[in-house]
Amino acid sequence: MSPSKAHASPTTDENVEMIEVYASANFAEMQFLTDIFDEEQIGYLTREMEMSMMPVHVGGHDEVRLAVEGGRVEQARGLIQQAIVDEAIPGDGRFLEYD
């Protein structure tokens, strides 16, 4: 897959490392999460994925990946997990591992 479109939040600083934390094909779920990040002033970037010319598979072609500022990864993951526990989102997506 390769990124087709990337959208940054208004608070995203282009000089800050962005780390992918969550991926989902549920666009409503991603919209809810980006609304939370806007409220918490966490800079984020979303990338819609499309099929690659290479024969590899790293997720669904309709998947959206959510990246946040490197220093806010744990806070972002906590907010996503809390939204799932509170059933504010269905949890259709998956957390992405980072180093």
PDB file of N, CA and C in Angstrom:
ATOM      1  N   MET A   1       0.839  -1.171   0.000  1.00  0.00           N
ATOM      2  CA  MET A   1       0.000   0.000   0.000  1.00  0.00           C
ATOM      3  C   MET A   1       0.881   1.229   0.000  1.00  0.00           C
ATOM      4  N   SER A   2       0.319   2.296  -0.466  1.00  0.00           N
ATOM      5  CA  SER A   2       1.030   3.568  -0.429  1.00  0.00           C
ATOM      6  C   SER A   2       0.029   4.641  -0.021  1.00  0.00           C
ATOM      7  N   PRO A   3       0.531   5.725   0.575  1.00  0.00           N
ATOM      8  CA  PRO A   3      -0.403   6.756   0.995  1.00  0.00           C
ATOM      9  C   PRO A   3      -0.993   7.448  -0.219  1.00  0.00           C
ATOM     10  N   SER A   4      -2.291   7.736  -0.167  1.00  0.00           N
ATOM     11  CA  SER A   4      -2.900   8.465  -1.267  1.00  0.00           C
ATOM     12  C   SER A   4      -3.178   9.898  -0.866  1.00  0.00           C
ATOM     13  N   LYS A   5      -3.633  10.111   0.354  1.00  0.00           N
ATOM     14  CA  LYS A   5      -3.920  11.455   0.824  1.00  0.00           C
ATOM     15  C   LYS A   5      -3.482  11.551   2.270  1.00  0.00           C
ATOM     16  N   ALA A   6      -2.906  12.677   2.635  1.00  0.00           N
ATOM     17  CA  ALA A   6      -2.536  12.915   4.033  1.00  0.00           C
ATOM     18  C   ALA A   6      -3.146  14.238   4.460  1.00  0.00           C
ATOM     19  N   HIS A   7      -3.710  14.245   5.656  1.00  0.00           N
ATOM     20  CA  HIS A   7      -4.330  15.447   6.196  1.00  0.00           C
ATOM     21  C   HIS A   7      -3.779  15.699   7.587  1.00  0.00           C
ATOM     22  N   ALA A   8      -3.280  16.909   7.819  1.00  0.00           N
ATOM     23  CA  ALA A   8      -2.730  17.262   9.125  1.00  0.00           C
ATOM     24  C   ALA A   8      -3.723  18.110   9.900  1.00  0.00           C
ATOM     25  N   SER A   9      -3.642  18.019  11.219  1.00  0.00           N
ATOM     26  CA  SER A   9      -4.475  18.868  12.067  1.00  0.00           C
ATOM     27  C   SER A   9      -3.922  20.281  12.028  1.00  0.00           C
ATOM     28  N   PRO A  10      -4.734  21.263  12.397  1.00  0.00           N
ATOM     29  CA  PRO A  10      -4.250  22.642  12.426  1.00  0.00           C
ATOM     30  C   PRO A  10      -3.111  22.845  13.430  1.00  0.00           C
ATOM     31  N   THR A  11      -2.998  21.982  14.428  1.00  0.00           N
ATOM     32  CA  THR A  11      -1.972  22.141  15.458  1.00  0.00           C
ATOM     33  C   THR A  11      -0.705  21.358  15.164  1.00  0.00           C
ATOM     34  N   THR A  12      -0.627  20.711  14.018  1.00  0.00           N
ATOM     35  CA  THR A  12       0.541  19.900  13.693  1.00  0.00           C
ATOM     36  C   THR A  12       1.720  20.789  13.305  1.00  0.00           C
ATOM     37  N   ASP A  13       2.847  20.532  13.947  1.00  0.00           N
ATOM     38  CA  ASP A  13       4.097  21.231  13.643  1.00  0.00           C
ATOM     39  C   ASP A  13       4.876  20.353  12.678  1.00  0.00           C
ATOM     40  N   GLU A  14       5.211  20.869  11.503  1.00  0.00           N
ATOM     41  CA  GLU A  14       5.889  20.039  10.499  1.00  0.00           C
ATOM     42  C   GLU A  14       7.274  19.592  10.937  1.00  0.00           C
ATOM     43  N   ASN A  15       7.843  20.199  11.973  1.00  0.00           N
ATOM     44  CA  ASN A  15       9.178  19.836  12.445  1.00  0.00           C
ATOM     45  C   ASN A  15       9.154  18.753  13.522  1.00  0.00           C
ATOM     46  N   VAL A  16       7.988  18.260  13.885  1.00  0.00           N
ATOM     47  CA  VAL A  16       7.849  17.246  14.926  1.00  0.00           C
ATOM     48  C   VAL A  16       7.661  15.883  14.275  1.00  0.00           C
ATOM     49  N   GLU A  17       8.332  14.865  14.837  1.00  0.00           N
ATOM     50  CA  GLU A  17       8.187  13.506  14.327  1.00  0.00           C
ATOM     51  C   GLU A  17       6.763  13.022  14.594  1.00  0.00           C
ATOM     52  N   MET A  18       6.142  12.449  13.580  1.00  0.00           N
ATOM     53  CA  MET A  18       4.792  11.911  13.703  1.00  0.00           C
ATOM     54  C   MET A  18       4.899  10.386  13.730  1.00  0.00           C
ATOM     55  N   ILE A  19       4.187   9.770  14.678  1.00  0.00           N
ATOM     56  CA  ILE A  19       4.236   8.321  14.848  1.00  0.00           C
ATOM     57  C   ILE A  19       2.836   7.747  14.672  1.00  0.00           C
ATOM     58  N   GLU A  20       2.709   6.756  13.783  1.00  0.00           N
ATOM     59  CA  GLU A  20       1.412   6.118  13.554  1.00  0.00           C
ATOM     60  C   GLU A  20       1.024   5.305  14.774  1.00  0.00           C
ATOM     61  N   VAL A  21      -0.211   5.520  15.261  1.00  0.00           N
ATOM     62  CA  VAL A  21      -0.657   4.834  16.473  1.00  0.00           C
ATOM     63  C   VAL A  21      -1.888   3.957  16.267  1.00  0.00           C
ATOM     64  N   TYR A  22      -2.696   4.246  15.242  1.00  0.00           N
ATOM     65  CA  TYR A  22      -3.962   3.522  15.089  1.00  0.00           C
ATOM     66  C   TYR A  22      -4.338   3.495  13.621  1.00  0.00           C
ATOM     67  N   ALA A  23      -4.971   2.405  13.205  1.00  0.00           N
ATOM     68  CA  ALA A  23      -5.438   2.267  11.828  1.00  0.00           C
ATOM     69  C   ALA A  23      -6.835   1.675  11.842  1.00  0.00           C
ATOM     70  N   SER A  24      -7.691   2.181  10.962  1.00  0.00           N
ATOM     71  CA  SER A  24      -9.062   1.685  10.886  1.00  0.00           C
ATOM     72  C   SER A  24      -9.630   1.963   9.504  1.00  0.00           C
ATOM     73  N   ALA A  25     -10.539   1.093   9.090  1.00  0.00           N
ATOM     74  CA  ALA A  25     -11.279   1.321   7.841  1.00  0.00           C
ATOM     75  C   ALA A  25     -12.610   2.019   8.137  1.00  0.00           C
ATOM     76  N   ASN A  26     -12.899   2.256   9.417  1.00  0.00           N
ATOM     77  CA  ASN A  26     -14.138   2.912   9.826  1.00  0.00           C
ATOM     78  C   ASN A  26     -13.889   4.419   9.874  1.00  0.00           C
ATOM     79  N   PHE A  27     -14.355   5.133   8.849  1.00  0.00           N
ATOM     80  CA  PHE A  27     -14.086   6.559   8.743  1.00  0.00           C
ATOM     81  C   PHE A  27     -14.760   7.352   9.864  1.00  0.00           C
ATOM     82  N   ALA A  28     -15.935   6.920  10.334  1.00  0.00           N
ATOM     83  CA  ALA A  28     -16.622   7.604  11.438  1.00  0.00           C
ATOM     84  C   ALA A  28     -15.788   7.488  12.718  1.00  0.00           C
ATOM     85  N   GLU A  29     -15.201   6.325  12.931  1.00  0.00           N
ATOM     86  CA  GLU A  29     -14.339   6.111  14.093  1.00  0.00           C
ATOM     87  C   GLU A  29     -13.146   7.062  14.043  1.00  0.00           C
ATOM     88  N   MET A  30     -12.521   7.176  12.885  1.00  0.00           N
ATOM     89  CA  MET A  30     -11.368   8.055  12.744  1.00  0.00           C
ATOM     90  C   MET A  30     -11.764   9.521  12.922  1.00  0.00           C
ATOM     91  N   GLN A  31     -12.929   9.900  12.439  1.00  0.00           N
ATOM     92  CA  GLN A  31     -13.380  11.282  12.601  1.00  0.00           C
ATOM     93  C   GLN A  31     -13.579  11.610  14.083  1.00  0.00           C
ATOM     94  N   PHE A  32     -14.162  10.674  14.825  1.00  0.00           N
ATOM     95  CA  PHE A  32     -14.364  10.874  16.258  1.00  0.00           C
ATOM     96  C   PHE A  32     -13.019  11.049  16.963  1.00  0.00           C
ATOM     97  N   LEU A  33     -12.050  10.211  16.612  1.00  0.00           N
ATOM     98  CA  LEU A  33     -10.732  10.299  17.247  1.00  0.00           C
ATOM     99  C   LEU A  33     -10.027  11.611  16.916  1.00  0.00           C
ATOM    100  N   THR A  34     -10.110  12.057  15.673  1.00  0.00           N
ATOM    101  CA  THR A  34      -9.458  13.319  15.335  1.00  0.00           C
ATOM    102  C   THR A  34     -10.156  14.491  16.019  1.00  0.00           C
ATOM    103  N   ASP A  35     -11.467  14.390  16.238  1.00  0.00           N
ATOM    104  CA  ASP A  35     -12.177  15.430  16.998  1.00  0.00           C
ATOM    105  C   ASP A  35     -11.651  15.487  18.434  1.00  0.00           C
ATOM    106  N   ILE A  36     -11.423  14.312  19.039  1.00  0.00           N
ATOM    107  CA  ILE A  36     -10.863  14.267  20.395  1.00  0.00           C
ATOM    108  C   ILE A  36      -9.476  14.903  20.407  1.00  0.00           C
ATOM    109  N   PHE A  37      -8.651  14.550  19.435  1.00  0.00           N
ATOM    110  CA  PHE A  37      -7.297  15.096  19.388  1.00  0.00           C
ATOM    111  C   PHE A  37      -7.320  16.607  19.175  1.00  0.00           C
ATOM    112  N   ASP A  38      -8.275  17.104  18.383  1.00  0.00           N
ATOM    113  CA  ASP A  38      -8.413  18.552  18.226  1.00  0.00           C
ATOM    114  C   ASP A  38      -8.717  19.201  19.574  1.00  0.00           C
ATOM    115  N   GLU A  39      -9.650  18.612  20.324  1.00  0.00           N
ATOM    116  CA  GLU A  39     -10.022  19.149  21.636  1.00  0.00           C
ATOM    117  C   GLU A  39      -8.845  19.136  22.604  1.00  0.00           C
ATOM    118  N   GLU A  40      -8.024  18.093  22.530  1.00  0.00           N
ATOM    119  CA  GLU A  40      -6.874  17.938  23.430  1.00  0.00           C
ATOM    120  C   GLU A  40      -5.627  18.636  22.887  1.00  0.00           C
ATOM    121  N   GLN A  41      -5.753  19.261  21.730  1.00  0.00           N
ATOM    122  CA  GLN A  41      -4.658  19.962  21.056  1.00  0.00           C
ATOM    123  C   GLN A  41      -3.452  19.042  20.826  1.00  0.00           C
ATOM    124  N   ILE A  42      -3.755  17.841  20.372  1.00  0.00           N
ATOM    125  CA  ILE A  42      -2.723  16.884  19.974  1.00  0.00           C
ATOM    126  C   ILE A  42      -2.619  16.959  18.455  1.00  0.00           C
ATOM    127  N   GLY A  43      -1.454  17.333  17.971  1.00  0.00           N
ATOM    128  CA  GLY A  43      -1.247  17.375  16.527  1.00  0.00           C
ATOM    129  C   GLY A  43      -1.314  15.974  15.959  1.00  0.00           C
ATOM    130  N   TYR A  44      -1.971  15.824  14.815  1.00  0.00           N
ATOM    131  CA  TYR A  44      -2.110  14.500  14.202  1.00  0.00           C
ATOM    132  C   TYR A  44      -2.037  14.604  12.701  1.00  0.00           C
ATOM    133  N   LEU A  45      -1.879  13.458  12.092  1.00  0.00           N
ATOM    134  CA  LEU A  45      -1.853  13.334  10.642  1.00  0.00           C
ATOM    135  C   LEU A  45      -2.625  12.079  10.291  1.00  0.00           C
ATOM    136  N   THR A  46      -3.545  12.167   9.339  1.00  0.00           N
ATOM    137  CA  THR A  46      -4.238  10.971   8.865  1.00  0.00           C
ATOM    138  C   THR A  46      -3.789  10.697   7.440  1.00  0.00           C
ATOM    139  N   ARG A  47      -3.642   9.405   7.141  1.00  0.00           N
ATOM    140  CA  ARG A  47      -3.254   8.999   5.786  1.00  0.00           C
ATOM    141  C   ARG A  47      -4.207   7.929   5.308  1.00  0.00           C
ATOM    142  N   GLU A  48      -4.828   8.177   4.172  1.00  0.00           N
ATOM    143  CA  GLU A  48      -5.669   7.165   3.535  1.00  0.00           C
ATOM    144  C   GLU A  48      -4.759   6.305   2.675  1.00  0.00           C
ATOM    145  N   MET A  49      -4.925   4.990   2.793  1.00  0.00           N
ATOM    146  CA  MET A  49      -4.052   4.071   2.068  1.00  0.00           C
ATOM    147  C   MET A  49      -4.738   3.590   0.795  1.00  0.00           C
ATOM    148  N   GLU A  50      -3.920   3.301  -0.211  1.00  0.00           N
ATOM    149  CA  GLU A  50      -4.433   2.747  -1.467  1.00  0.00           C
ATOM    150  C   GLU A  50      -3.572   1.569  -1.867  1.00  0.00           C
ATOM    151  N   MET A  51      -4.039   0.810  -2.815  1.00  0.00           N
ATOM    152  CA  MET A  51      -3.301  -0.376  -3.272  1.00  0.00           C
ATOM    153  C   MET A  51      -1.973   0.049  -3.898  1.00  0.00           C
ATOM    154  N   SER A  52      -0.941  -0.706  -3.589  1.00  0.00           N
ATOM    155  CA  SER A  52       0.395  -0.458  -4.108  1.00  0.00           C
ATOM    156  C   SER A  52       0.601  -1.252  -5.394  1.00  0.00           C
ATOM    157  N   MET A  53       1.538  -0.808  -6.181  1.00  0.00           N
ATOM    158  CA  MET A  53       1.913  -1.549  -7.380  1.00  0.00           C
ATOM    159  C   MET A  53       2.742  -2.778  -6.997  1.00  0.00           C
ATOM    160  N   MET A  54       3.298  -2.792  -5.782  1.00  0.00           N
ATOM    161  CA  MET A  54       4.104  -3.910  -5.306  1.00  0.00           C
ATOM    162  C   MET A  54       3.184  -4.971  -4.695  1.00  0.00           C
ATOM    163  N   PRO A  55       3.523  -6.250  -4.837  1.00  0.00           N
ATOM    164  CA  PRO A  55       2.676  -7.326  -4.303  1.00  0.00           C
ATOM    165  C   PRO A  55       2.899  -7.553  -2.802  1.00  0.00           C
ATOM    166  N   VAL A  56       2.563  -6.554  -2.009  1.00  0.00           N
ATOM    167  CA  VAL A  56       2.684  -6.679  -0.550  1.00  0.00           C
ATOM    168  C   VAL A  56       1.338  -6.360   0.065  1.00  0.00           C
ATOM    169  N   HIS A  57       1.147  -6.794   1.305  1.00  0.00           N
ATOM    170  CA  HIS A  57      -0.105  -6.523   2.001  1.00  0.00           C
ATOM    171  C   HIS A  57       0.221  -6.103   3.425  1.00  0.00           C
ATOM    172  N   VAL A  58      -0.186  -4.880   3.802  1.00  0.00           N
ATOM    173  CA  VAL A  58       0.086  -4.361   5.138  1.00  0.00           C
ATOM    174  C   VAL A  58      -1.192  -3.831   5.752  1.00  0.00           C
ATOM    175  N   GLY A  59      -2.357  -4.292   5.315  1.00  0.00           N
ATOM    176  CA  GLY A  59      -3.626  -3.804   5.826  1.00  0.00           C
ATOM    177  C   GLY A  59      -4.587  -3.599   4.672  1.00  0.00           C
ATOM    178  N   GLY A  60      -5.794  -3.164   4.984  1.00  0.00           N
ATOM    179  CA  GLY A  60      -6.804  -2.953   3.962  1.00  0.00           C
ATOM    180  C   GLY A  60      -6.540  -1.724   3.127  1.00  0.00           C
ATOM    181  N   HIS A  61      -6.923  -1.784   1.850  1.00  0.00           N
ATOM    182  CA  HIS A  61      -6.697  -0.641   0.983  1.00  0.00           C
ATOM    183  C   HIS A  61      -7.587   0.536   1.341  1.00  0.00           C
ATOM    184  N   ASP A  62      -8.609   0.296   2.145  1.00  0.00           N
ATOM    185  CA  ASP A  62      -9.483   1.386   2.554  1.00  0.00           C
ATOM    186  C   ASP A  62      -9.138   1.885   3.956  1.00  0.00           C
ATOM    187  N   GLU A  63      -7.995   1.485   4.466  1.00  0.00           N
ATOM    188  CA  GLU A  63      -7.568   1.815   5.812  1.00  0.00           C
ATOM    189  C   GLU A  63      -7.093   3.268   5.911  1.00  0.00           C
ATOM    190  N   VAL A  64      -7.383   3.893   7.039  1.00  0.00           N
ATOM    191  CA  VAL A  64      -6.863   5.214   7.355  1.00  0.00           C
ATOM    192  C   VAL A  64      -5.938   5.031   8.550  1.00  0.00           C
ATOM    193  N   ARG A  65      -4.749   5.603   8.449  1.00  0.00           N
ATOM    194  CA  ARG A  65      -3.781   5.520   9.547  1.00  0.00           C
ATOM    195  C   ARG A  65      -3.699   6.874  10.235  1.00  0.00           C
ATOM    196  N   LEU A  66      -3.649   6.824  11.559  1.00  0.00           N
ATOM    197  CA  LEU A  66      -3.625   8.025  12.383  1.00  0.00           C
ATOM    198  C   LEU A  66      -2.279   8.116  13.079  1.00  0.00           C
ATOM    199  N   ALA A  67      -1.556   9.203  12.837  1.00  0.00           N
ATOM    200  CA  ALA A  67      -0.258   9.446  13.462  1.00  0.00           C
ATOM    201  C   ALA A  67      -0.376  10.672  14.354  1.00  0.00           C
ATOM    202  N   VAL A  68       0.376  10.672  15.445  1.00  0.00           N
ATOM    203  CA  VAL A  68       0.375  11.808  16.367  1.00  0.00           C
ATOM    204  C   VAL A  68       1.803  12.249  16.638  1.00  0.00           C
ATOM    205  N   GLU A  69       1.937  13.411  17.255  1.00  0.00           N
ATOM    206  CA  GLU A  69       3.243  13.939  17.624  1.00  0.00           C
ATOM    207  C   GLU A  69       3.973  12.941  18.515  1.00  0.00           C
ATOM    208  N   GLY A  70       5.263  12.750  18.254  1.00  0.00           N
ATOM    209  CA  GLY A  70       6.050  11.777  18.995  1.00  0.00           C
ATOM    210  C   GLY A  70       5.934  11.879  20.503  1.00  0.00           C
ATOM    211  N   GLY A  71       5.874  13.067  21.044  1.00  0.00           N
ATOM    212  CA  GLY A  71       5.801  13.254  22.484  1.00  0.00           C
ATOM    213  C   GLY A  71       4.427  13.023  23.086  1.00  0.00           C
ATOM    214  N   ARG A  72       3.433  12.761  22.241  1.00  0.00           N
ATOM    215  CA  ARG A  72       2.058  12.604  22.729  1.00  0.00           C
ATOM    216  C   ARG A  72       1.484  11.220  22.446  1.00  0.00           C
ATOM    217  N   VAL A  73       2.345  10.272  22.069  1.00  0.00           N
ATOM    218  CA  VAL A  73       1.894   8.940  21.676  1.00  0.00           C
ATOM    219  C   VAL A  73       1.127   8.248  22.801  1.00  0.00           C
ATOM    220  N   GLU A  74       1.694   8.212  23.986  1.00  0.00           N
ATOM    221  CA  GLU A  74       1.039   7.508  25.098  1.00  0.00           C
ATOM    222  C   GLU A  74      -0.301   8.154  25.443  1.00  0.00           C
ATOM    223  N   GLN A  75      -0.362   9.473  25.450  1.00  0.00           N
ATOM    224  CA  GLN A  75      -1.627  10.164  25.720  1.00  0.00           C
ATOM    225  C   GLN A  75      -2.659   9.820  24.647  1.00  0.00           C
ATOM    226  N   ALA A  76      -2.247   9.833  23.392  1.00  0.00           N
ATOM    227  CA  ALA A  76      -3.158   9.522  22.287  1.00  0.00           C
ATOM    228  C   ALA A  76      -3.667   8.089  22.389  1.00  0.00           C
ATOM    229  N   ARG A  77      -2.771   7.149  22.653  1.00  0.00           N
ATOM    230  CA  ARG A  77      -3.179   5.744  22.793  1.00  0.00           C
ATOM    231  C   ARG A  77      -4.161   5.584  23.958  1.00  0.00           C
ATOM    232  N   GLY A  78      -3.912   6.305  25.047  1.00  0.00           N
ATOM    233  CA  GLY A  78      -4.817   6.258  26.192  1.00  0.00           C
ATOM    234  C   GLY A  78      -6.193   6.793  25.857  1.00  0.00           C
ATOM    235  N   LEU A  79      -6.255   7.882  25.097  1.00  0.00           N
ATOM    236  CA  LEU A  79      -7.539   8.454  24.692  1.00  0.00           C
ATOM    237  C   LEU A  79      -8.302   7.508  23.767  1.00  0.00           C
ATOM    238  N   ILE A  80      -7.582   6.860  22.863  1.00  0.00           N
ATOM    239  CA  ILE A  80      -8.227   5.890  21.963  1.00  0.00           C
ATOM    240  C   ILE A  80      -8.770   4.721  22.776  1.00  0.00           C
ATOM    241  N   GLN A  81      -7.944   4.193  23.678  1.00  0.00           N
ATOM    242  CA  GLN A  81      -8.378   3.059  24.502  1.00  0.00           C
ATOM    243  C   GLN A  81      -9.591   3.438  25.346  1.00  0.00           C
ATOM    244  N   GLN A  82      -9.589   4.656  25.909  1.00  0.00           N
ATOM    245  CA  GLN A  82     -10.725   5.095  26.727  1.00  0.00           C
ATOM    246  C   GLN A  82     -11.981   5.223  25.876  1.00  0.00           C
ATOM    247  N   ALA A  83     -11.851   5.702  24.645  1.00  0.00           N
ATOM    248  CA  ALA A  83     -13.010   5.815  23.746  1.00  0.00           C
ATOM    249  C   ALA A  83     -13.593   4.437  23.443  1.00  0.00           C
ATOM    250  N   ILE A  84     -12.737   3.431  23.321  1.00  0.00           N
ATOM    251  CA  ILE A  84     -13.204   2.067  23.078  1.00  0.00           C
ATOM    252  C   ILE A  84     -13.920   1.535  24.311  1.00  0.00           C
ATOM    253  N   VAL A  85     -13.303   1.708  25.490  1.00  0.00           N
ATOM    254  CA  VAL A  85     -13.897   1.232  26.748  1.00  0.00           C
ATOM    255  C   VAL A  85     -15.251   1.900  26.990  1.00  0.00           C
ATOM    256  N   ASP A  86     -15.329   3.202  26.705  1.00  0.00           N
ATOM    257  CA  ASP A  86     -16.578   3.955  26.901  1.00  0.00           C
ATOM    258  C   ASP A  86     -17.606   3.681  25.806  1.00  0.00           C
ATOM    259  N   GLU A  87     -17.218   2.879  24.811  1.00  0.00           N
ATOM    260  CA  GLU A  87     -18.053   2.546  23.657  1.00  0.00           C
ATOM    261  C   GLU A  87     -18.444   3.781  22.846  1.00  0.00           C
ATOM    262  N   ALA A  88     -17.572   4.789  22.883  1.00  0.00           N
ATOM    263  CA  ALA A  88     -17.768   5.976  22.053  1.00  0.00           C
ATOM    264  C   ALA A  88     -17.398   5.656  20.603  1.00  0.00           C
ATOM    265  N   ILE A  89     -16.495   4.692  20.443  1.00  0.00           N
ATOM    266  CA  ILE A  89     -16.143   4.169  19.122  1.00  0.00           C
ATOM    267  C   ILE A  89     -16.230   2.655  19.206  1.00  0.00           C
ATOM    268  N   PRO A  90     -16.467   1.983  18.076  1.00  0.00           N
ATOM    269  CA  PRO A  90     -16.618   0.530  18.114  1.00  0.00           C
ATOM    270  C   PRO A  90     -15.315  -0.242  18.273  1.00  0.00           C
ATOM    271  N   GLY A  91     -14.185   0.414  18.074  1.00  0.00           N
ATOM    272  CA  GLY A  91     -12.919  -0.308  18.171  1.00  0.00           C
ATOM    273  C   GLY A  91     -12.683  -1.209  16.975  1.00  0.00           C
ATOM    274  N   ASP A  92     -13.176  -0.796  15.816  1.00  0.00           N
ATOM    275  CA  ASP A  92     -13.003  -1.576  14.594  1.00  0.00           C
ATOM    276  C   ASP A  92     -11.557  -1.599  14.121  1.00  0.00           C
ATOM    277  N   GLY A  93     -10.774  -0.629  14.555  1.00  0.00           N
ATOM    278  CA  GLY A  93      -9.399  -0.516  14.095  1.00  0.00           C
ATOM    279  C   GLY A  93      -8.436  -1.337  14.928  1.00  0.00           C
ATOM    280  N   ARG A  94      -7.169  -1.020  14.753  1.00  0.00           N
ATOM    281  CA  ARG A  94      -6.126  -1.722  15.488  1.00  0.00           C
ATOM    282  C   ARG A  94      -5.017  -0.739  15.851  1.00  0.00           C
ATOM    283  N   PHE A  95      -4.409  -0.989  17.013  1.00  0.00           N
ATOM    284  CA  PHE A  95      -3.272  -0.187  17.418  1.00  0.00           C
ATOM    285  C   PHE A  95      -2.065  -0.604  16.607  1.00  0.00           C
ATOM    286  N   LEU A  96      -1.243   0.360  16.246  1.00  0.00           N
ATOM    287  CA  LEU A  96      -0.017   0.091  15.499  1.00  0.00           C
ATOM    288  C   LEU A  96       1.153   0.137  16.460  1.00  0.00           C
ATOM    289  N   GLU A  97       2.057  -0.791  16.331  1.00  0.00           N
ATOM    290  CA  GLU A  97       3.230  -0.850  17.193  1.00  0.00           C
ATOM    291  C   GLU A  97       4.237   0.211  16.768  1.00  0.00           C
ATOM    292  N   TYR A  98       4.945   0.729  17.739  1.00  0.00           N
ATOM    293  CA  TYR A  98       5.992   1.701  17.451  1.00  0.00           C
ATOM    294  C   TYR A  98       7.186   1.396  18.353  1.00  0.00           C
ATOM    295  N   ASP A  99       8.353   1.911  17.966  1.00  0.00           N
ATOM    296  CA  ASP A  99       9.567   1.692  18.770  1.00  0.00           C
ATOM    297  C   ASP A  99       9.873   2.926  19.575  1.00  0.00           C
TER     298      ASP A  99
END
